[in-house]
């Protein structure tokens, strides 16, 4: 239910976009931190290519390295694939931000 002033029943407008952006940023930082910690643990605890059973043969952990962009794809693509993909993503992000926060 929207917050109201003491003297009126009209909702008081609040900008919640900033709070949502801060929460999203904090969540992203938490996920990135957890990802880094699990990768550091895996490099210390696992040997390259040797599976470690967690739940019998059903669930196993195996240390491996991805040399490609996504799931090993375009491993020989060189830096240009990264540059082009980054430019496309930045362009889409700018377009979305410009469309969402356009002055009315």
C-alpha atoms as a PDB file:
ATOM      1  CA  UNK A   1       0.000   0.000   0.000  1.00  0.00           C
ATOM      2  CA  UNK A   2       1.421   3.426  -0.938  1.00  0.00           C
ATOM      3  CA  UNK A   3       2.522   5.753   1.816  1.00  0.00           C
ATOM      4  CA  UNK A   4       0.320   8.822   2.387  1.00  0.00           C
ATOM      5  CA  UNK A   5       0.748  12.214   4.057  1.00  0.00           C
ATOM      6  CA  UNK A   6      -0.902  12.821   7.424  1.00  0.00           C
ATOM      7  CA  UNK A   7      -3.424  15.320   5.971  1.00  0.00           C
ATOM      8  CA  UNK A   8      -4.340  13.702   2.664  1.00  0.00           C
ATOM      9  CA  UNK A   9      -5.097  10.279   1.360  1.00  0.00           C
ATOM     10  CA  UNK A  10      -3.135  10.823  -1.857  1.00  0.00           C
ATOM     11  CA  UNK A  11      -0.034   8.654  -2.247  1.00  0.00           C
ATOM     12  CA  UNK A  12       3.291  10.365  -1.686  1.00  0.00           C
ATOM     13  CA  UNK A  13       5.549   9.791  -4.659  1.00  0.00           C
ATOM     14  CA  UNK A  14       8.926   8.307  -3.866  1.00  0.00           C
ATOM     15  CA  UNK A  15      11.643   7.425  -6.255  1.00  0.00           C
ATOM     16  CA  UNK A  16      12.189   3.739  -5.753  1.00  0.00           C
ATOM     17  CA  UNK A  17      14.380   3.333  -8.811  1.00  0.00           C
ATOM     18  CA  UNK A  18      17.491   4.261  -6.833  1.00  0.00           C
ATOM     19  CA  UNK A  19      16.743   1.730  -4.119  1.00  0.00           C
ATOM     20  CA  UNK A  20      16.133  -0.989  -6.697  1.00  0.00           C
ATOM     21  CA  UNK A  21      19.402  -0.144  -8.455  1.00  0.00           C
ATOM     22  CA  UNK A  22      21.324  -0.309  -5.173  1.00  0.00           C
ATOM     23  CA  UNK A  23      19.740  -3.654  -4.291  1.00  0.00           C
ATOM     24  CA  UNK A  24      20.550  -5.001  -7.753  1.00  0.00           C
ATOM     25  CA  UNK A  25      24.148  -3.801  -7.478  1.00  0.00           C
ATOM     26  CA  UNK A  26      24.541  -5.363  -4.026  1.00  0.00           C
ATOM     27  CA  UNK A  27      23.064  -8.653  -5.248  1.00  0.00           C
ATOM     28  CA  UNK A  28      25.406  -8.652  -8.262  1.00  0.00           C
ATOM     29  CA  UNK A  29      28.422  -7.958  -6.040  1.00  0.00           C
ATOM     30  CA  UNK A  30      27.387 -10.736  -3.648  1.00  0.00           C
ATOM     31  CA  UNK A  31      27.028 -13.229  -6.504  1.00  0.00           C
ATOM     32  CA  UNK A  32      30.372 -12.211  -7.999  1.00  0.00           C
ATOM     33  CA  UNK A  33      32.044 -12.513  -4.586  1.00  0.00           C
ATOM     34  CA  UNK A  34      30.555 -15.955  -3.983  1.00  0.00           C
ATOM     35  CA  UNK A  35      31.617 -17.019  -7.484  1.00  0.00           C
ATOM     36  CA  UNK A  36      35.176 -15.910  -6.797  1.00  0.00           C
ATOM     37  CA  UNK A  37      35.284 -17.728  -3.459  1.00  0.00           C
ATOM     38  CA  UNK A  38      33.998 -20.993  -4.947  1.00  0.00           C
ATOM     39  CA  UNK A  39      36.525 -20.786  -7.791  1.00  0.00           C
ATOM     40  CA  UNK A  40      39.371 -20.192  -5.342  1.00  0.00           C
ATOM     41  CA  UNK A  41      38.180 -23.143  -3.241  1.00  0.00           C
ATOM     42  CA  UNK A  42      37.944 -25.391  -6.316  1.00  0.00           C
ATOM     43  CA  UNK A  43      41.496 -24.563  -7.387  1.00  0.00           C
ATOM     44  CA  UNK A  44      42.834 -25.427  -3.925  1.00  0.00           C
ATOM     45  CA  UNK A  45      40.701 -28.507  -3.255  1.00  0.00           C
ATOM     46  CA  UNK A  46      40.437 -30.218  -6.661  1.00  0.00           C
ATOM     47  CA  UNK A  47      43.032 -31.673  -9.009  1.00  0.00           C
ATOM     48  CA  UNK A  48      42.740 -30.819 -12.703  1.00  0.00           C
ATOM     49  CA  UNK A  49      40.616 -33.365 -14.541  1.00  0.00           C
ATOM     50  CA  UNK A  50      40.158 -35.740 -11.602  1.00  0.00           C
ATOM     51  CA  UNK A  51      36.497 -36.197 -10.616  1.00  0.00           C
ATOM     52  CA  UNK A  52      35.649 -36.118  -6.909  1.00  0.00           C
ATOM     53  CA  UNK A  53      32.418 -37.939  -6.028  1.00  0.00           C
ATOM     54  CA  UNK A  54      29.943 -35.894  -3.981  1.00  0.00           C
ATOM     55  CA  UNK A  55      26.901 -38.182  -4.223  1.00  0.00           C
ATOM     56  CA  UNK A  56      28.298 -41.439  -5.539  1.00  0.00           C
ATOM     57  CA  UNK A  57      28.645 -41.368  -9.313  1.00  0.00           C
ATOM     58  CA  UNK A  58      25.554 -39.200  -9.678  1.00  0.00           C
ATOM     59  CA  UNK A  59      27.143 -35.880  -8.621  1.00  0.00           C
ATOM     60  CA  UNK A  60      30.869 -35.306  -9.121  1.00  0.00           C
ATOM     61  CA  UNK A  61      33.076 -32.223  -9.072  1.00  0.00           C
ATOM     62  CA  UNK A  62      35.824 -31.947 -11.685  1.00  0.00           C
ATOM     63  CA  UNK A  63      38.201 -29.025 -12.073  1.00  0.00           C
ATOM     64  CA  UNK A  64      38.490 -27.775 -15.644  1.00  0.00           C
ATOM     65  CA  UNK A  65      39.213 -24.483 -17.380  1.00  0.00           C
ATOM     66  CA  UNK A  66      37.133 -22.843 -20.095  1.00  0.00           C
ATOM     67  CA  UNK A  67      39.336 -21.187 -22.707  1.00  0.00           C
ATOM     68  CA  UNK A  68      36.455 -19.994 -24.876  1.00  0.00           C
ATOM     69  CA  UNK A  69      33.736 -17.387 -24.500  1.00  0.00           C
ATOM     70  CA  UNK A  70      30.753 -19.508 -23.526  1.00  0.00           C
ATOM     71  CA  UNK A  71      31.080 -23.239 -22.880  1.00  0.00           C
ATOM     72  CA  UNK A  72      34.310 -23.260 -24.876  1.00  0.00           C
ATOM     73  CA  UNK A  73      32.753 -21.754 -28.010  1.00  0.00           C
ATOM     74  CA  UNK A  74      34.911 -19.448 -30.146  1.00  0.00           C
ATOM     75  CA  UNK A  75      38.091 -20.423 -28.293  1.00  0.00           C
ATOM     76  CA  UNK A  76      40.108 -19.386 -31.366  1.00  0.00           C
ATOM     77  CA  UNK A  77      38.095 -16.181 -31.950  1.00  0.00           C
ATOM     78  CA  UNK A  78      40.771 -13.876 -30.567  1.00  0.00           C
ATOM     79  CA  UNK A  79      40.102 -10.566 -28.816  1.00  0.00           C
ATOM     80  CA  UNK A  80      37.875  -9.175 -31.593  1.00  0.00           C
ATOM     81  CA  UNK A  81      34.915 -11.327 -30.633  1.00  0.00           C
ATOM     82  CA  UNK A  82      35.117  -9.933 -27.091  1.00  0.00           C
ATOM     83  CA  UNK A  83      35.384  -6.350 -28.379  1.00  0.00           C
ATOM     84  CA  UNK A  84      32.406  -6.709 -30.737  1.00  0.00           C
ATOM     85  CA  UNK A  85      30.262  -8.457 -28.121  1.00  0.00           C
ATOM     86  CA  UNK A  86      31.114  -5.821 -25.505  1.00  0.00           C
ATOM     87  CA  UNK A  87      30.231  -3.006 -27.921  1.00  0.00           C
ATOM     88  CA  UNK A  88      26.868  -4.621 -28.692  1.00  0.00           C
ATOM     89  CA  UNK A  89      26.065  -5.102 -25.003  1.00  0.00           C
ATOM     90  CA  UNK A  90      27.064  -1.525 -24.129  1.00  0.00           C
ATOM     91  CA  UNK A  91      24.979  -0.206 -27.024  1.00  0.00           C
ATOM     92  CA  UNK A  92      21.920  -2.176 -25.892  1.00  0.00           C
ATOM     93  CA  UNK A  93      22.382  -1.037 -22.298  1.00  0.00           C
ATOM     94  CA  UNK A  94      22.635   2.620 -23.374  1.00  0.00           C
ATOM     95  CA  UNK A  95      19.538   2.243 -25.547  1.00  0.00           C
ATOM     96  CA  UNK A  96      17.575   0.692 -22.674  1.00  0.00           C
ATOM     97  CA  UNK A  97      18.679   3.328 -20.167  1.00  0.00           C
ATOM     98  CA  UNK A  98      17.959   6.170 -22.601  1.00  0.00           C
ATOM     99  CA  UNK A  99      14.481   4.796 -23.334  1.00  0.00           C
ATOM    100  CA  UNK A 100      13.616   4.208 -19.695  1.00  0.00           C
ATOM    101  CA  UNK A 101      14.810   7.517 -18.295  1.00  0.00           C
ATOM    102  CA  UNK A 102      13.776   9.761 -21.184  1.00  0.00           C
ATOM    103  CA  UNK A 103      12.562  13.162 -19.948  1.00  0.00           C
ATOM    104  CA  UNK A 104       8.837  13.596 -20.479  1.00  0.00           C
END
